[in-house]
Amino acid sequence: MSRPVRRGLLALALLGMAAPAAFAQTFPTRPLSIVVPFAPGGPTDTVSRLVAEAMGRDLGQNVVVENVGGAGGTLGSNRVAQARPDGHTLLLHHIGMATTPTLYRRLPYDPVAAFEPIGLITEVPMSLIARPNFPANNLADVVAVMRQRREELNYANAGIGAASHLCGLLLMSRVDAPMTTVPFRGTGPAMQELLAGRVDLMCDQTTNTTEQIRGNSVRAYAVTTPQRLPTLPDLPTSAEAGLTGFEVSVWHGLYAPRNTPAPIIARLSQSLQTALRDPRLIARFAELGTAPVAQDQATPAAHRTFWLADIAKWRPLIQAAGQYAD
């Protein structure tokens, strides 16, 4: 090989190495899109819009939220998995990213291999509630009724794979008492049936239950977090109420398509961290009964570690229940 040819190849190689870094310096070059794989108005949509607004201020570009619902969040996720990996199309998803690999046995994408994690955002607590006339005064009574009546009890949820479904699986596993699972098409219909007394129990995000708990229209027994919530100070934690190991929260994270250049991922993570320090975002999160994660959790490495651990946590519970979404 001649010396000029070698020089030319070396120049091309160096150009290729510099391209991602150079692109990161100019990124973003146009408005960004955050795909939310659920319908507008839900907790994940609300979180996404707050994050999009705050990140847009930092990035100097509009960040538009695009709702692509259907199939338990897999339709919107698949769209991002197939998007151009240039950092302009992102996915904001919740705990479903940890359960999809088990709940769906036939997917057009590999949930772990198809995405680059950017950082965690928040963890929304959950609460265990019952119909207004449920015969239990505290969580110990609930456990006793579950063990006595078992499948006679109806447990409502917002659909297979929803956070309320997962919380029920963990509860039944922890108590070793199965209930009859009644899936609905969303939290709203499930809550209406609980309020009407036609189902017995439900466990859902505090963003969906706080109003009913404060209004005494449901019976509330515990929050599924290590500490009590400022928004519901009189509601004990599950551990305080005597049931250890019953802790679950609905975490949210931000993702880019696989093969997005590392400098772009780093810039997006930096922007996310800046967004999570925004006083306006923090105040709105507090109104929803949650808070941003610690800054060291809003990183790609911490996000991936947490994500993979949660997949391992939920896989045996879903497999033992034999309740799949496909």
Protein backbone atom coordinates (compact mmCIF):
# COMPACT_ATOMS: atom_id res chain seq x y z
CA MET A 1 0.00 0.00 0.00
CA SER A 2 1.46 3.37 -0.98
CA ARG A 3 2.10 6.12 1.53
CA PRO A 4 -0.55 8.47 0.02
CA VAL A 5 -3.18 5.74 0.21
CA ARG A 6 -2.31 5.01 3.84
CA ARG A 7 -2.56 8.69 4.65
CA GLY A 8 -5.93 8.88 2.97
CA LEU A 9 -7.29 5.90 4.92
CA LEU A 10 -5.98 7.32 8.17
CA ALA A 11 -7.66 10.65 7.43
CA LEU A 12 -10.96 8.90 6.78
CA ALA A 13 -10.67 6.91 10.01
CA LEU A 14 -9.96 10.05 12.01
CA LEU A 15 -12.87 11.81 10.34
CA GLY A 16 -15.16 8.93 11.28
CA MET A 17 -14.04 9.10 14.90
CA ALA A 18 -14.55 12.84 15.04
CA ALA A 19 -17.97 12.86 13.39
CA PRO A 20 -20.07 11.78 16.43
CA ALA A 21 -18.29 14.26 18.70
CA ALA A 22 -18.72 17.05 16.18
CA PHE A 23 -22.38 16.15 15.75
CA ALA A 24 -22.85 16.26 19.51
CA GLN A 25 -21.53 19.82 19.59
CA THR A 26 -24.24 20.94 17.20
CA PHE A 27 -26.98 18.66 18.59
CA PRO A 28 -29.89 19.14 18.45
CA THR A 29 -30.32 20.48 14.97
CA ARG A 30 -34.13 20.46 14.97
CA PRO A 31 -37.06 19.88 17.37
CA LEU A 32 -37.04 16.62 19.30
CA SER A 33 -39.89 14.15 19.70
CA ILE A 34 -40.57 12.18 22.87
CA VAL A 35 -42.85 9.24 22.12
CA VAL A 36 -45.17 8.28 24.98
CA PRO A 37 -46.56 4.80 24.27
CA PHE A 38 -49.86 5.53 26.04
CA ALA A 39 -52.92 7.72 25.58
CA PRO A 40 -52.87 11.40 26.61
CA GLY A 41 -53.83 12.36 30.14
CA GLY A 42 -52.29 9.48 32.09
CA PRO A 43 -49.46 9.72 34.63
CA THR A 44 -46.73 8.84 32.11
CA ASP A 45 -48.04 11.44 29.68
CA THR A 46 -48.04 14.07 32.43
CA VAL A 47 -44.47 13.23 33.45
CA SER A 48 -43.37 13.31 29.81
CA ARG A 49 -44.78 16.76 29.14
CA LEU A 50 -43.09 18.22 32.21
CA VAL A 51 -39.75 16.66 31.21
CA ALA A 52 -40.14 17.74 27.57
CA GLU A 53 -40.79 21.34 28.56
CA ALA A 54 -37.79 21.48 30.90
CA MET A 55 -35.41 19.72 28.50
CA GLY A 56 -36.54 22.01 25.69
CA ARG A 57 -35.44 25.03 27.70
CA ASP A 58 -32.01 23.47 28.20
CA LEU A 59 -31.52 22.20 24.63
CA GLY A 60 -32.79 25.35 22.95
CA GLN A 61 -35.23 23.38 20.80
CA ASN A 62 -38.88 22.44 21.09
CA VAL A 63 -39.41 18.97 22.53
CA VAL A 64 -42.75 17.63 21.34
CA VAL A 65 -44.62 14.81 23.07
CA GLU A 66 -46.18 12.31 20.67
CA ASN A 67 -48.70 9.82 22.06
CA VAL A 68 -48.58 6.45 20.29
CA GLY A 69 -50.74 4.16 22.43
CA GLY A 70 -51.75 0.56 21.97
CA ALA A 71 -50.66 -3.00 22.75
CA GLY A 72 -49.52 -2.21 26.27
CA GLY A 73 -46.99 0.38 25.14
CA THR A 74 -45.30 -1.83 22.56
CA LEU A 75 -46.54 0.06 19.48
CA GLY A 76 -44.95 3.33 20.50
CA SER A 77 -41.83 1.56 21.71
CA ASN A 78 -41.46 -0.20 18.38
CA ARG A 79 -41.70 3.11 16.53
CA VAL A 80 -38.76 4.49 18.49
CA ALA A 81 -36.83 1.23 18.11
CA GLN A 82 -37.03 1.72 14.34
CA ALA A 83 -36.32 5.47 14.38
CA ARG A 84 -33.13 7.03 13.06
CA PRO A 85 -30.56 6.88 15.90
CA ASP A 86 -29.65 10.57 15.88
CA GLY A 87 -31.11 11.58 19.24
CA HIS A 88 -34.09 13.47 17.86
CA THR A 89 -36.65 10.70 18.54
CA LEU A 90 -36.82 9.42 22.10
CA LEU A 91 -39.01 7.13 24.20
CA LEU A 92 -40.31 7.89 27.67
CA HIS A 93 -41.66 4.72 29.27
CA HIS A 94 -42.43 3.44 32.73
CA ILE A 95 -41.96 0.16 34.62
CA GLY A 96 -43.39 -1.62 31.57
CA MET A 97 -39.88 -1.59 30.12
CA ALA A 98 -38.98 -4.12 32.83
CA THR A 99 -42.03 -6.34 32.37
CA THR A 100 -42.45 -6.30 28.58
CA PRO A 101 -39.62 -8.81 28.01
CA THR A 102 -41.64 -11.41 29.98
CA LEU A 103 -45.25 -10.31 29.43
CA TYR A 104 -44.89 -10.34 25.62
CA ARG A 105 -43.46 -13.56 24.23
CA ARG A 106 -43.63 -12.37 20.61
CA LEU A 107 -42.33 -8.88 19.93
CA PRO A 108 -40.90 -7.27 16.77
CA TYR A 109 -38.00 -5.91 18.84
CA ASP A 110 -35.79 -6.95 21.74
CA PRO A 111 -36.65 -4.48 24.55
CA VAL A 112 -33.13 -4.52 26.01
CA ALA A 113 -31.14 -4.59 22.77
CA ALA A 114 -33.29 -2.02 20.92
CA PHE A 115 -32.69 0.97 23.20
CA GLU A 116 -29.98 3.05 24.82
CA PRO A 117 -30.99 4.17 28.33
CA ILE A 118 -30.48 7.88 29.01
CA GLY A 119 -31.51 8.17 32.65
CA LEU A 120 -34.20 7.52 35.21
CA ILE A 121 -36.70 10.29 35.92
CA THR A 122 -38.99 9.56 38.85
CA GLU A 123 -40.60 6.81 40.88
CA VAL A 124 -44.34 7.22 41.50
CA PRO A 125 -45.54 5.48 44.69
CA MET A 126 -48.52 3.15 44.78
CA SER A 127 -51.25 2.60 47.36
CA LEU A 128 -53.46 -0.35 48.26
CA ILE A 129 -57.14 0.56 48.41
CA ALA A 130 -60.49 -1.23 48.65
CA ARG A 131 -64.18 -0.67 48.03
CA PRO A 132 -65.81 1.60 50.64
CA ASN A 133 -67.44 -1.25 52.58
CA PHE A 134 -64.60 -3.78 52.42
CA PRO A 135 -64.46 -5.72 55.73
CA ALA A 136 -60.92 -4.82 56.79
CA ASN A 137 -59.73 -2.02 59.06
CA ASN A 138 -56.01 -2.32 58.35
CA LEU A 139 -53.53 -4.16 56.19
CA ALA A 140 -53.31 -7.11 58.59
CA ASP A 141 -57.08 -7.54 58.21
CA VAL A 142 -56.74 -7.38 54.41
CA VAL A 143 -54.16 -10.18 54.49
CA ALA A 144 -56.42 -12.26 56.72
CA VAL A 145 -59.40 -11.78 54.37
CA MET A 146 -57.24 -12.65 51.36
CA ARG A 147 -56.06 -15.88 52.93
CA GLN A 148 -59.56 -16.81 53.98
CA ARG A 149 -61.53 -15.95 50.84
CA ARG A 150 -58.76 -16.28 48.20
CA GLU A 151 -60.30 -16.47 44.67
CA GLU A 152 -63.64 -15.19 46.00
CA LEU A 153 -62.06 -11.75 46.12
CA ASN A 154 -61.92 -9.66 42.96
CA TYR A 155 -58.79 -7.62 42.30
CA ALA A 156 -59.24 -4.80 39.77
CA ASN A 157 -56.49 -3.52 37.53
CA ALA A 158 -56.03 -1.31 34.47
CA GLY A 159 -55.13 -4.22 32.18
CA ILE A 160 -52.54 -6.97 31.91
CA GLY A 161 -49.10 -5.41 32.30
CA ALA A 162 -50.39 -2.21 33.90
CA ALA A 163 -48.78 -1.01 37.12
CA SER A 164 -51.93 -1.98 39.02
CA HIS A 165 -51.67 -5.50 37.60
CA LEU A 166 -48.03 -5.81 38.67
CA CYS A 167 -48.75 -4.51 42.15
CA GLY A 168 -51.45 -7.15 42.53
CA LEU A 169 -49.09 -9.92 41.42
CA LEU A 170 -46.56 -8.83 44.03
CA LEU A 171 -49.23 -8.64 46.75
CA MET A 172 -50.61 -12.10 45.99
CA SER A 173 -47.10 -13.55 45.86
CA ARG A 174 -46.11 -11.93 49.14
CA VAL A 175 -49.28 -13.07 50.94
CA ASP A 176 -49.41 -16.43 49.13
CA ALA A 177 -53.11 -15.99 48.48
CA PRO A 178 -54.46 -15.78 44.90
CA MET A 179 -57.38 -13.52 44.02
CA THR A 180 -59.51 -13.35 40.89
CA THR A 181 -57.90 -10.76 38.64
CA VAL A 182 -60.33 -8.46 36.82
CA PRO A 183 -58.60 -6.42 34.10
CA PHE A 184 -60.23 -3.24 32.80
CA ARG A 185 -59.38 -0.97 29.89
CA GLY A 186 -57.65 1.65 31.97
CA THR A 187 -57.53 2.98 35.52
CA GLY A 188 -60.72 5.03 35.18
CA PRO A 189 -63.09 2.09 34.60
CA ALA A 190 -61.35 0.02 37.29
CA MET A 191 -61.72 2.83 39.82
CA GLN A 192 -65.38 3.32 38.96
CA GLU A 193 -66.11 -0.36 39.63
CA LEU A 194 -64.24 -0.14 42.94
CA LEU A 195 -66.17 2.96 43.99
CA ALA A 196 -69.41 1.20 43.09
CA GLY A 197 -68.43 -1.77 45.26
CA ARG A 198 -68.46 -4.28 42.41
CA VAL A 199 -64.79 -5.25 42.90
CA ASP A 200 -62.90 -5.61 46.17
CA LEU A 201 -59.32 -4.41 45.97
CA MET A 202 -57.01 -2.36 43.80
CA CYS A 203 -53.41 -1.12 43.98
CA ASP A 204 -52.48 1.83 41.81
CA GLN A 205 -50.32 4.92 41.50
CA THR A 206 -50.94 7.67 44.01
CA THR A 207 -51.49 10.03 41.08
CA ASN A 208 -54.68 8.01 40.49
CA THR A 209 -55.75 7.29 44.08
CA THR A 210 -54.88 10.30 46.25
CA GLU A 211 -58.09 12.20 45.50
CA GLN A 212 -60.27 9.23 46.44
CA ILE A 213 -58.22 8.53 49.57
CA ARG A 214 -58.45 12.12 50.76
CA GLY A 215 -62.18 12.17 50.02
CA ASN A 216 -62.74 8.95 51.97
CA SER A 217 -64.50 7.40 49.00
CA VAL A 218 -62.29 4.29 49.24
CA ARG A 219 -60.61 2.43 52.08
CA ALA A 220 -56.84 2.94 52.05
CA TYR A 221 -54.41 0.60 53.80
CA ALA A 222 -50.81 1.35 52.84
CA VAL A 223 -48.36 2.97 50.47
CA THR A 224 -45.82 0.70 48.81
CA THR A 225 -42.77 2.83 49.63
CA PRO A 226 -40.12 2.71 52.37
CA GLN A 227 -41.29 6.07 53.78
CA ARG A 228 -44.65 7.71 54.23
CA LEU A 229 -45.73 10.28 51.67
CA PRO A 230 -46.02 13.99 52.52
CA THR A 231 -49.22 14.08 50.47
CA LEU A 232 -50.75 11.20 52.51
CA PRO A 233 -49.04 11.51 55.90
CA ASP A 234 -51.56 9.37 57.80
CA LEU A 235 -51.27 6.38 55.47
CA PRO A 236 -48.69 3.87 56.77
CA THR A 237 -46.12 2.14 54.64
CA SER A 238 -46.69 -1.54 53.95
CA ALA A 239 -43.79 -2.41 56.27
CA GLU A 240 -45.23 -0.28 59.06
CA ALA A 241 -48.55 -2.04 58.54
CA GLY A 242 -46.88 -5.43 58.99
CA LEU A 243 -46.23 -6.63 55.43
CA THR A 244 -42.54 -6.53 54.53
CA GLY A 245 -41.33 -7.08 50.98
CA PHE A 246 -44.36 -5.37 49.46
CA GLU A 247 -42.66 -2.37 47.90
CA VAL A 248 -43.22 -1.26 44.33
CA SER A 249 -43.16 2.04 42.49
CA VAL A 250 -43.78 3.06 38.91
CA TRP A 251 -40.46 4.35 37.68
CA HIS A 252 -40.03 6.28 34.46
CA GLY A 253 -37.00 6.46 32.21
CA LEU A 254 -35.86 8.07 28.96
CA TYR A 255 -34.48 6.04 26.02
CA ALA A 256 -32.94 6.55 22.58
CA PRO A 257 -32.78 4.03 19.72
CA ARG A 258 -29.89 1.58 19.69
CA ASN A 259 -26.69 2.87 18.04
CA THR A 260 -27.35 6.49 18.96
CA PRO A 261 -23.81 7.95 19.22
CA ALA A 262 -22.41 8.03 22.75
CA PRO A 263 -21.79 11.83 22.68
CA ILE A 264 -25.48 12.36 21.86
CA ILE A 265 -26.54 10.07 24.73
CA ALA A 266 -24.25 12.02 27.05
CA ARG A 267 -25.75 15.36 25.96
CA LEU A 268 -29.29 14.07 26.43
CA SER A 269 -28.45 12.71 29.87
CA GLN A 270 -26.92 16.04 30.82
CA SER A 271 -30.07 17.81 29.65
CA LEU A 272 -32.27 15.40 31.60
CA GLN A 273 -30.26 16.04 34.76
CA THR A 274 -30.67 19.79 34.23
CA ALA A 275 -34.41 19.32 33.72
CA LEU A 276 -34.76 17.35 36.95
CA ARG A 277 -33.23 20.29 38.85
CA ASP A 278 -35.73 22.74 37.36
CA PRO A 279 -37.79 24.28 40.22
CA ARG A 280 -40.93 24.32 38.07
CA LEU A 281 -40.65 20.61 37.31
CA ILE A 282 -39.91 19.78 40.96
CA ALA A 283 -42.98 21.72 42.11
CA ARG A 284 -45.28 19.99 39.62
CA PHE A 285 -43.87 16.57 40.50
CA ALA A 286 -44.64 17.31 44.16
CA GLU A 287 -48.25 18.03 43.26
CA LEU A 288 -48.37 14.56 41.69
CA GLY A 289 -47.04 12.98 44.87
CA THR A 290 -43.59 12.21 43.51
CA ALA A 291 -40.11 13.74 43.08
CA PRO A 292 -37.21 13.53 40.62
CA VAL A 293 -34.68 10.78 41.16
CA ALA A 294 -31.27 11.65 42.56
CA GLN A 295 -28.90 13.09 39.97
CA ASP A 296 -26.68 10.01 39.96
CA GLN A 297 -29.68 7.94 38.87
CA ALA A 298 -30.35 10.14 35.84
CA THR A 299 -27.40 8.60 34.00
CA PRO A 300 -27.20 5.88 31.33
CA ALA A 301 -25.18 3.49 33.51
CA ALA A 302 -27.41 3.77 36.58
CA HIS A 303 -30.51 3.50 34.42
CA ARG A 304 -29.31 0.31 32.73
CA THR A 305 -28.36 -1.33 36.04
CA PHE A 306 -31.73 -0.50 37.60
CA TRP A 307 -33.62 -1.61 34.47
CA LEU A 308 -31.93 -5.02 34.22
CA ALA A 309 -32.43 -5.66 37.96
CA ASP A 310 -36.14 -4.90 37.65
CA ILE A 311 -36.50 -7.27 34.69
CA ALA A 312 -35.02 -10.01 36.89
CA LYS A 313 -37.37 -9.06 39.74
CA TRP A 314 -40.60 -9.26 37.74
CA ARG A 315 -39.84 -12.21 35.45
CA PRO A 316 -40.49 -15.00 38.02
CA LEU A 317 -43.65 -13.31 39.32
CA ILE A 318 -45.15 -13.00 35.84
CA GLN A 319 -44.15 -16.52 34.88
CA ALA A 320 -45.59 -17.94 38.10
CA ALA A 321 -48.89 -16.15 37.48
CA GLY A 322 -48.97 -17.35 33.87
CA GLN A 323 -50.67 -14.09 32.84
CA TYR A 324 -49.25 -12.93 29.52
CA ALA A 325 -50.27 -10.06 27.29
CA ASP A 326 -49.99 -11.89 23.95
